[in-house]
Each structure stands twice: as C-alpha cells, then as structure tokens.
Amino acid sequence: MKKNETDIAPLMNIFIGLAQATRCCRQDTAFCGGVTFHQYVILDAAVKNKDLRISDLHSLLGVEKSTTTRLVNPLIAKGFLTKEQAASDSRMVRLVLTKQGLKKHQEVAACLADFFSNIICNLPPQENQAILNSVQTFIGAIKKASGTCNCCN
C-alpha cells in the first residue's frame, strides 16, 4: 500500500531534524580533539580490536572503501595509527593504535562523554531509557528499509 504525502510528512520532518541535529558527526571537519567523528570511530575500533584491518571499517563506518582510506590516512599521518603486517596473513595489513593514538582516543572519549551527558540531561529523566530504546528500534527499521529500497541508491 502506497502512503500519501500527508502520511509521510511527519517521518520526513524527523529525518530532516535528525540530519540537522547529527550534522556535527557527519562532517569532515574536526569534531573533538582535532579528529572527525568518523576518525574517532576508527580509533575506538582500534582500541577494541587488536587485529583491525581497513576492510573491517567499511561496514562499521557505512562508507565506501575510498572514503575509509581517506579517513584513515590522516590518523596515520598524525601518528595515531600505524600499519603493520597482519600475523594471520602476510598479505593483509592491520591498523595498530599508537600510544599517541590511545591518548587522543581518551581525550575525544571524554569530550564525547560530556556531549552525550548533555543530550541525556535534555531528555525527560523518566523517559530517557524508553526514548533511547525507541531510537534504536527506529534505526533498525531504517536499516531494514534501506536494504530493500532503491530510492536511496
């Protein structure tokens, strides 16, 4: 069944609002501590995964391979990550977090903790868990729909 424009208007307004509100996390400019939000996600993945490959990052970031490389290269240039041969396969390269990278990760994590705390403070206390659960459900629905929809490709 097709929905008419009046039925989808509230959802369109939510998408526009989300795009505007999360703009800071989608930019190629520094978010916290001189790194972008995507670059922080890469540093965070390196903290959590000692055998991190660039190919592991494509789906995590939801970007093309060339974009992943474009995001990783400045982190290597700044000395936050290094490339090393993977132990499991000498043809593979893994990304390794440096001491400087760990320090940067901690700095940005503290910045993000403040940012996220401010978000939580702006939610009604008695409803914040229900809101977060609803947003997770909404994200899941978007992911499912985007896999079956060709309007966004």
N, C-alpha and C. Protein backbone atom coordinates (compact mmCIF):
# COMPACT_ATOMS: atom_id res chain seq x y z
N MET A 1 0.85 -1.18 0.00
CA MET A 1 0.00 0.00 0.00
C MET A 1 0.89 1.24 0.00
N LYS A 2 0.63 2.16 -0.91
CA LYS A 2 1.38 3.41 -1.01
C LYS A 2 0.86 4.41 0.02
N LYS A 3 1.76 5.11 0.61
CA LYS A 3 1.39 6.16 1.55
C LYS A 3 1.32 7.48 0.79
N ASN A 4 0.39 8.32 1.17
CA ASN A 4 0.35 9.64 0.53
C ASN A 4 1.27 10.60 1.25
N GLU A 5 1.47 11.76 0.68
CA GLU A 5 2.43 12.72 1.24
C GLU A 5 2.10 13.14 2.66
N THR A 6 0.83 13.22 3.01
CA THR A 6 0.47 13.63 4.37
C THR A 6 0.88 12.57 5.38
N ASP A 7 0.81 11.30 4.98
CA ASP A 7 1.21 10.23 5.89
C ASP A 7 2.71 10.23 6.15
N ILE A 8 3.51 10.60 5.15
CA ILE A 8 4.96 10.55 5.31
C ILE A 8 5.57 11.87 5.78
N ALA A 9 4.79 12.93 5.81
CA ALA A 9 5.31 14.24 6.22
C ALA A 9 5.95 14.22 7.61
N PRO A 10 5.32 13.62 8.62
CA PRO A 10 5.97 13.59 9.94
C PRO A 10 7.31 12.84 9.93
N LEU A 11 7.36 11.74 9.18
CA LEU A 11 8.60 10.98 9.10
C LEU A 11 9.68 11.78 8.36
N MET A 12 9.28 12.48 7.31
CA MET A 12 10.22 13.34 6.58
C MET A 12 10.77 14.42 7.51
N ASN A 13 9.92 15.00 8.33
CA ASN A 13 10.37 16.04 9.27
C ASN A 13 11.35 15.46 10.29
N ILE A 14 11.12 14.22 10.72
CA ILE A 14 12.05 13.57 11.65
C ILE A 14 13.40 13.36 10.98
N PHE A 15 13.39 12.88 9.72
CA PHE A 15 14.66 12.67 9.01
C PHE A 15 15.41 13.98 8.83
N ILE A 16 14.70 15.03 8.47
CA ILE A 16 15.35 16.34 8.31
C ILE A 16 15.93 16.79 9.65
N GLY A 17 15.18 16.64 10.72
CA GLY A 17 15.66 17.01 12.04
C GLY A 17 16.87 16.21 12.47
N LEU A 18 16.84 14.89 12.21
CA LEU A 18 17.99 14.05 12.54
C LEU A 18 19.22 14.46 11.74
N ALA A 19 19.03 14.73 10.45
CA ALA A 19 20.15 15.14 9.60
C ALA A 19 20.75 16.45 10.11
N GLN A 20 19.91 17.38 10.51
CA GLN A 20 20.40 18.65 11.03
C GLN A 20 21.08 18.47 12.39
N ALA A 21 20.47 17.70 13.26
CA ALA A 21 20.99 17.53 14.62
C ALA A 21 22.29 16.74 14.66
N THR A 22 22.47 15.82 13.72
CA THR A 22 23.67 14.98 13.73
C THR A 22 24.72 15.47 12.74
N ARG A 23 24.53 16.64 12.24
CA ARG A 23 25.47 17.20 11.25
C ARG A 23 26.91 17.21 11.77
N CYS A 24 27.08 17.51 13.05
CA CYS A 24 28.42 17.57 13.63
C CYS A 24 29.15 16.23 13.55
N CYS A 25 28.40 15.16 13.50
CA CYS A 25 29.00 13.82 13.44
C CYS A 25 29.25 13.36 12.01
N ARG A 26 28.80 14.11 11.03
CA ARG A 26 28.93 13.68 9.64
C ARG A 26 29.91 14.55 8.86
N GLN A 27 30.45 15.55 9.46
CA GLN A 27 31.32 16.48 8.75
C GLN A 27 32.75 15.96 8.65
N ASP A 28 33.46 16.47 7.68
CA ASP A 28 34.88 16.15 7.54
C ASP A 28 35.75 17.11 8.34
N THR A 29 35.12 17.95 9.14
CA THR A 29 35.88 18.87 9.99
C THR A 29 35.99 18.27 11.39
N ALA A 30 36.94 18.76 12.14
CA ALA A 30 37.20 18.23 13.48
C ALA A 30 35.97 18.35 14.36
N PHE A 31 35.70 17.30 15.07
CA PHE A 31 34.56 17.25 15.99
C PHE A 31 35.05 17.53 17.41
N CYS A 32 35.98 16.75 17.87
CA CYS A 32 36.59 16.90 19.19
C CYS A 32 38.07 16.58 19.06
N GLY A 33 38.91 17.32 19.70
CA GLY A 33 40.33 16.99 19.76
C GLY A 33 41.04 16.90 18.42
N GLY A 34 40.54 17.61 17.42
CA GLY A 34 41.21 17.63 16.12
C GLY A 34 40.94 16.43 15.23
N VAL A 35 39.98 15.58 15.61
CA VAL A 35 39.60 14.46 14.74
C VAL A 35 38.11 14.55 14.44
N THR A 36 37.72 13.96 13.32
CA THR A 36 36.31 13.92 12.98
C THR A 36 35.63 12.80 13.77
N PHE A 37 34.32 12.80 13.77
CA PHE A 37 33.59 11.75 14.47
C PHE A 37 33.93 10.38 13.88
N HIS A 38 33.96 10.29 12.54
CA HIS A 38 34.32 9.02 11.90
C HIS A 38 35.74 8.58 12.29
N GLN A 39 36.66 9.53 12.38
CA GLN A 39 38.02 9.17 12.78
C GLN A 39 38.05 8.67 14.22
N TYR A 40 37.22 9.25 15.07
CA TYR A 40 37.13 8.74 16.43
C TYR A 40 36.61 7.30 16.42
N VAL A 41 35.62 7.03 15.59
CA VAL A 41 35.07 5.67 15.49
C VAL A 41 36.18 4.69 15.09
N ILE A 42 37.06 5.14 14.19
CA ILE A 42 38.20 4.30 13.78
C ILE A 42 39.15 4.07 14.96
N LEU A 43 39.49 5.13 15.68
CA LEU A 43 40.35 4.98 16.86
C LEU A 43 39.71 4.05 17.88
N ASP A 44 38.41 4.19 18.07
CA ASP A 44 37.70 3.36 19.03
C ASP A 44 37.73 1.89 18.59
N ALA A 45 37.57 1.66 17.29
CA ALA A 45 37.65 0.29 16.78
C ALA A 45 39.05 -0.28 17.00
N ALA A 46 40.08 0.55 16.85
CA ALA A 46 41.46 0.10 17.06
C ALA A 46 41.71 -0.22 18.53
N VAL A 47 41.06 0.52 19.44
CA VAL A 47 41.19 0.22 20.87
C VAL A 47 40.56 -1.14 21.17
N LYS A 48 39.43 -1.41 20.54
CA LYS A 48 38.67 -2.62 20.84
C LYS A 48 39.14 -3.86 20.07
N ASN A 49 39.87 -3.65 18.97
CA ASN A 49 40.25 -4.77 18.10
C ASN A 49 41.74 -4.67 17.79
N LYS A 50 42.52 -5.54 18.37
CA LYS A 50 43.98 -5.50 18.19
C LYS A 50 44.41 -5.99 16.81
N ASP A 51 43.50 -6.61 16.06
CA ASP A 51 43.81 -7.09 14.72
C ASP A 51 42.89 -6.42 13.70
N LEU A 52 42.81 -5.10 13.77
CA LEU A 52 41.89 -4.31 12.94
C LEU A 52 42.44 -4.13 11.54
N ARG A 53 41.64 -4.50 10.56
CA ARG A 53 42.01 -4.29 9.16
C ARG A 53 41.15 -3.16 8.59
N ILE A 54 41.68 -2.47 7.60
CA ILE A 54 40.93 -1.39 6.96
C ILE A 54 39.59 -1.92 6.45
N SER A 55 39.60 -3.13 5.91
CA SER A 55 38.37 -3.71 5.38
C SER A 55 37.30 -3.90 6.46
N ASP A 56 37.71 -4.01 7.73
CA ASP A 56 36.75 -4.13 8.83
C ASP A 56 35.98 -2.83 9.05
N LEU A 57 36.54 -1.73 8.58
CA LEU A 57 35.97 -0.42 8.87
C LEU A 57 34.85 -0.01 7.92
N HIS A 58 34.81 -0.56 6.71
CA HIS A 58 33.82 -0.12 5.72
C HIS A 58 32.39 -0.22 6.24
N SER A 59 32.04 -1.38 6.76
CA SER A 59 30.67 -1.55 7.24
C SER A 59 30.43 -0.80 8.55
N LEU A 60 31.45 -0.74 9.40
CA LEU A 60 31.31 -0.01 10.66
C LEU A 60 31.00 1.46 10.41
N LEU A 61 31.70 2.05 9.44
CA LEU A 61 31.52 3.47 9.13
C LEU A 61 30.36 3.71 8.16
N GLY A 62 29.99 2.67 7.42
CA GLY A 62 28.92 2.83 6.43
C GLY A 62 29.35 3.69 5.26
N VAL A 63 30.63 3.56 4.87
CA VAL A 63 31.16 4.36 3.76
C VAL A 63 31.89 3.46 2.76
N GLU A 64 32.21 4.03 1.61
CA GLU A 64 32.94 3.31 0.57
C GLU A 64 34.39 3.09 0.99
N LYS A 65 35.06 2.15 0.33
CA LYS A 65 36.46 1.83 0.63
C LYS A 65 37.35 3.05 0.49
N SER A 66 37.14 3.84 -0.55
CA SER A 66 37.98 5.02 -0.77
C SER A 66 37.81 6.04 0.35
N THR A 67 36.59 6.15 0.87
CA THR A 67 36.34 7.08 1.98
C THR A 67 37.01 6.58 3.25
N THR A 68 36.97 5.28 3.47
CA THR A 68 37.65 4.71 4.64
C THR A 68 39.14 5.04 4.60
N THR A 69 39.75 4.84 3.44
CA THR A 69 41.17 5.15 3.28
C THR A 69 41.42 6.63 3.53
N ARG A 70 40.54 7.48 3.02
CA ARG A 70 40.68 8.93 3.20
C ARG A 70 40.56 9.31 4.68
N LEU A 71 39.79 8.56 5.45
CA LEU A 71 39.64 8.83 6.88
C LEU A 71 40.81 8.28 7.69
N VAL A 72 41.36 7.16 7.26
CA VAL A 72 42.45 6.50 7.99
C VAL A 72 43.77 7.23 7.79
N ASN A 73 44.05 7.68 6.57
CA ASN A 73 45.35 8.27 6.25
C ASN A 73 45.77 9.43 7.17
N PRO A 74 44.87 10.38 7.50
CA PRO A 74 45.29 11.44 8.42
C PRO A 74 45.63 10.93 9.82
N LEU A 75 44.96 9.86 10.25
CA LEU A 75 45.27 9.28 11.56
C LEU A 75 46.66 8.66 11.57
N ILE A 76 47.05 8.09 10.43
CA ILE A 76 48.41 7.55 10.30
C ILE A 76 49.41 8.70 10.24
N ALA A 77 49.08 9.73 9.46
CA ALA A 77 49.98 10.89 9.31
C ALA A 77 50.20 11.61 10.65
N LYS A 78 49.18 11.65 11.50
CA LYS A 78 49.29 12.31 12.81
C LYS A 78 49.96 11.41 13.85
N GLY A 79 50.23 10.15 13.48
CA GLY A 79 50.89 9.23 14.40
C GLY A 79 49.95 8.55 15.36
N PHE A 80 48.65 8.56 15.09
CA PHE A 80 47.68 7.91 15.97
C PHE A 80 47.54 6.41 15.65
N LEU A 81 47.81 6.06 14.40
CA LEU A 81 47.75 4.67 13.95
C LEU A 81 48.99 4.36 13.14
N THR A 82 49.36 3.10 13.11
CA THR A 82 50.39 2.64 12.19
C THR A 82 49.83 1.44 11.43
N LYS A 83 50.43 1.18 10.29
CA LYS A 83 50.07 -0.02 9.52
C LYS A 83 51.14 -1.07 9.75
N GLU A 84 50.70 -2.28 10.06
CA GLU A 84 51.62 -3.39 10.26
C GLU A 84 51.10 -4.61 9.52
N GLN A 85 52.00 -5.49 9.21
CA GLN A 85 51.62 -6.73 8.55
C GLN A 85 50.80 -7.57 9.53
N ALA A 86 49.69 -8.12 9.06
CA ALA A 86 48.85 -8.97 9.92
C ALA A 86 49.55 -10.29 10.18
N ALA A 87 49.47 -10.76 11.40
CA ALA A 87 50.11 -12.02 11.77
C ALA A 87 49.45 -13.21 11.07
N SER A 88 48.15 -13.11 10.84
CA SER A 88 47.40 -14.22 10.26
C SER A 88 47.62 -14.38 8.76
N ASP A 89 47.97 -13.28 8.07
CA ASP A 89 48.14 -13.33 6.62
C ASP A 89 49.11 -12.21 6.23
N SER A 90 50.26 -12.57 5.71
CA SER A 90 51.29 -11.58 5.41
C SER A 90 50.88 -10.60 4.31
N ARG A 91 49.82 -10.93 3.56
CA ARG A 91 49.33 -10.01 2.53
C ARG A 91 48.41 -8.95 3.10
N MET A 92 47.91 -9.17 4.32
CA MET A 92 46.97 -8.26 4.95
C MET A 92 47.72 -7.24 5.81
N VAL A 93 47.12 -6.07 5.90
CA VAL A 93 47.67 -5.01 6.74
C VAL A 93 46.68 -4.75 7.86
N ARG A 94 47.20 -4.61 9.07
CA ARG A 94 46.33 -4.26 10.19
C ARG A 94 46.67 -2.87 10.68
N LEU A 95 45.71 -2.23 11.29
CA LEU A 95 45.91 -0.91 11.86
C LEU A 95 46.18 -1.07 13.35
N VAL A 96 47.23 -0.43 13.81
CA VAL A 96 47.62 -0.54 15.21
C VAL A 96 47.59 0.84 15.85
N LEU A 97 46.96 0.91 16.99
CA LEU A 97 46.88 2.15 17.74
C LEU A 97 48.22 2.44 18.42
N THR A 98 48.71 3.66 18.29
CA THR A 98 49.95 4.05 18.95
C THR A 98 49.62 4.61 20.34
N LYS A 99 50.66 4.87 21.14
CA LYS A 99 50.44 5.49 22.45
C LYS A 99 49.79 6.86 22.28
N GLN A 100 50.25 7.59 21.27
CA GLN A 100 49.68 8.91 20.98
C GLN A 100 48.21 8.75 20.55
N GLY A 101 47.91 7.70 19.79
CA GLY A 101 46.54 7.43 19.37
C GLY A 101 45.64 7.08 20.54
N LEU A 102 46.18 6.31 21.48
CA LEU A 102 45.41 5.97 22.67
C LEU A 102 45.11 7.22 23.49
N LYS A 103 46.09 8.09 23.62
CA LYS A 103 45.89 9.35 24.35
C LYS A 103 44.81 10.19 23.65
N LYS A 104 44.87 10.27 22.32
CA LYS A 104 43.87 11.04 21.56
C LYS A 104 42.50 10.40 21.73
N HIS A 105 42.43 9.07 21.69
CA HIS A 105 41.16 8.37 21.88
C HIS A 105 40.55 8.74 23.24
N GLN A 106 41.37 8.72 24.28
CA GLN A 106 40.89 9.05 25.62
C GLN A 106 40.41 10.50 25.70
N GLU A 107 41.14 11.41 25.06
CA GLU A 107 40.77 12.83 25.04
C GLU A 107 39.41 13.02 24.37
N VAL A 108 39.24 12.41 23.21
CA VAL A 108 37.99 12.56 22.46
C VAL A 108 36.86 11.83 23.18
N ALA A 109 37.13 10.69 23.77
CA ALA A 109 36.11 9.96 24.53
C ALA A 109 35.56 10.82 25.66
N ALA A 110 36.44 11.56 26.33
CA ALA A 110 35.99 12.46 27.41
C ALA A 110 35.13 13.58 26.85
N CYS A 111 35.52 14.13 25.71
CA CYS A 111 34.73 15.17 25.05
C CYS A 111 33.35 14.64 24.68
N LEU A 112 33.32 13.44 24.10
CA LEU A 112 32.05 12.84 23.70
C LEU A 112 31.19 12.49 24.91
N ALA A 113 31.82 12.07 25.99
CA ALA A 113 31.07 11.76 27.21
C ALA A 113 30.33 13.01 27.69
N ASP A 114 31.00 14.16 27.64
CA ASP A 114 30.34 15.42 28.02
C ASP A 114 29.18 15.72 27.07
N PHE A 115 29.42 15.56 25.77
CA PHE A 115 28.39 15.82 24.76
C PHE A 115 27.18 14.91 24.99
N PHE A 116 27.43 13.61 25.18
CA PHE A 116 26.34 12.66 25.37
C PHE A 116 25.62 12.89 26.70
N SER A 117 26.36 13.30 27.73
CA SER A 117 25.74 13.63 29.02
C SER A 117 24.79 14.81 28.87
N ASN A 118 25.20 15.78 28.07
CA ASN A 118 24.33 16.94 27.82
C ASN A 118 23.06 16.52 27.09
N ILE A 119 23.18 15.58 26.18
CA ILE A 119 21.99 15.07 25.48
C ILE A 119 21.06 14.42 26.49
N ILE A 120 21.60 13.53 27.32
CA ILE A 120 20.79 12.83 28.32
C ILE A 120 20.12 13.83 29.26
N CYS A 121 20.84 14.89 29.63
CA CYS A 121 20.27 15.90 30.53
C CYS A 121 19.08 16.63 29.89
N ASN A 122 19.02 16.62 28.58
CA ASN A 122 17.93 17.29 27.89
C ASN A 122 16.76 16.37 27.56
N LEU A 123 16.83 15.13 28.05
CA LEU A 123 15.72 14.20 27.92
C LEU A 123 14.97 14.15 29.24
N PRO A 124 13.67 13.97 29.18
CA PRO A 124 12.93 13.81 30.45
C PRO A 124 13.46 12.58 31.19
N PRO A 125 13.92 12.73 32.43
CA PRO A 125 14.56 11.63 33.16
C PRO A 125 13.74 10.34 33.20
N GLN A 126 12.45 10.47 33.40
CA GLN A 126 11.61 9.28 33.50
C GLN A 126 11.39 8.60 32.14
N GLU A 127 11.77 9.27 31.05
CA GLU A 127 11.53 8.72 29.72
C GLU A 127 12.81 8.41 28.95
N ASN A 128 13.99 8.75 29.50
CA ASN A 128 15.21 8.66 28.68
C ASN A 128 15.50 7.24 28.19
N GLN A 129 15.30 6.21 29.00
CA GLN A 129 15.58 4.86 28.53
C GLN A 129 14.60 4.44 27.44
N ALA A 130 13.34 4.80 27.60
CA ALA A 130 12.33 4.46 26.58
C ALA A 130 12.65 5.19 25.27
N ILE A 131 13.11 6.43 25.36
CA ILE A 131 13.46 7.19 24.16
C ILE A 131 14.64 6.53 23.46
N LEU A 132 15.68 6.19 24.21
CA LEU A 132 16.85 5.55 23.61
C LEU A 132 16.49 4.21 22.97
N ASN A 133 15.64 3.44 23.62
CA ASN A 133 15.19 2.16 23.05
C ASN A 133 14.40 2.40 21.76
N SER A 134 13.55 3.40 21.77
CA SER A 134 12.76 3.71 20.59
C SER A 134 13.64 4.16 19.43
N VAL A 135 14.64 4.95 19.72
CA VAL A 135 15.55 5.40 18.66
C VAL A 135 16.31 4.19 18.08
N GLN A 136 16.74 3.26 18.94
CA GLN A 136 17.42 2.05 18.44
C GLN A 136 16.49 1.24 17.55
N THR A 137 15.24 1.12 17.93
CA THR A 137 14.26 0.41 17.11
C THR A 137 14.07 1.13 15.78
N PHE A 138 14.01 2.44 15.82
CA PHE A 138 13.85 3.26 14.62
C PHE A 138 15.05 3.08 13.68
N ILE A 139 16.25 3.08 14.24
CA ILE A 139 17.47 2.87 13.44
C ILE A 139 17.42 1.50 12.77
N GLY A 140 17.00 0.49 13.50
CA GLY A 140 16.87 -0.84 12.93
C GLY A 140 15.88 -0.87 11.77
N ALA A 141 14.77 -0.17 11.91
CA ALA A 141 13.77 -0.11 10.84
C ALA A 141 14.33 0.60 9.61
N ILE A 142 15.11 1.66 9.83
CA ILE A 142 15.73 2.38 8.71
C ILE A 142 16.69 1.46 7.98
N LYS A 143 17.51 0.73 8.74
CA LYS A 143 18.49 -0.17 8.11
C LYS A 143 17.78 -1.25 7.30
N LYS A 144 16.72 -1.82 7.83
CA LYS A 144 15.98 -2.84 7.10
C LYS A 144 15.37 -2.26 5.83
N ALA A 145 14.76 -1.09 5.94
CA ALA A 145 14.11 -0.47 4.80
C ALA A 145 15.12 -0.04 3.74
N SER A 146 16.27 0.45 4.16
CA SER A 146 17.26 0.90 3.18
C SER A 146 17.85 -0.26 2.41
N GLY A 147 17.79 -1.46 2.95
CA GLY A 147 18.27 -2.63 2.24
C GLY A 147 17.30 -3.09 1.16
N THR A 148 16.05 -2.68 1.27
CA THR A 148 15.03 -3.10 0.29
C THR A 148 14.58 -1.97 -0.61
N CYS A 149 15.06 -0.77 -0.35
CA CYS A 149 14.61 0.41 -1.09
C CYS A 149 15.68 0.83 -2.09
N ASN A 150 15.26 1.12 -3.30
CA ASN A 150 16.23 1.60 -4.29
C ASN A 150 16.17 3.11 -4.50
N CYS A 151 15.38 3.80 -3.66
CA CYS A 151 15.27 5.25 -3.81
C CYS A 151 16.50 5.97 -3.29
N CYS A 152 17.27 5.33 -2.44
CA CYS A 152 18.43 5.97 -1.82
C CYS A 152 19.74 5.55 -2.47
N ASN A 153 19.69 4.73 -3.50
CA ASN A 153 20.91 4.23 -4.12
C ASN A 153 21.32 5.08 -5.30
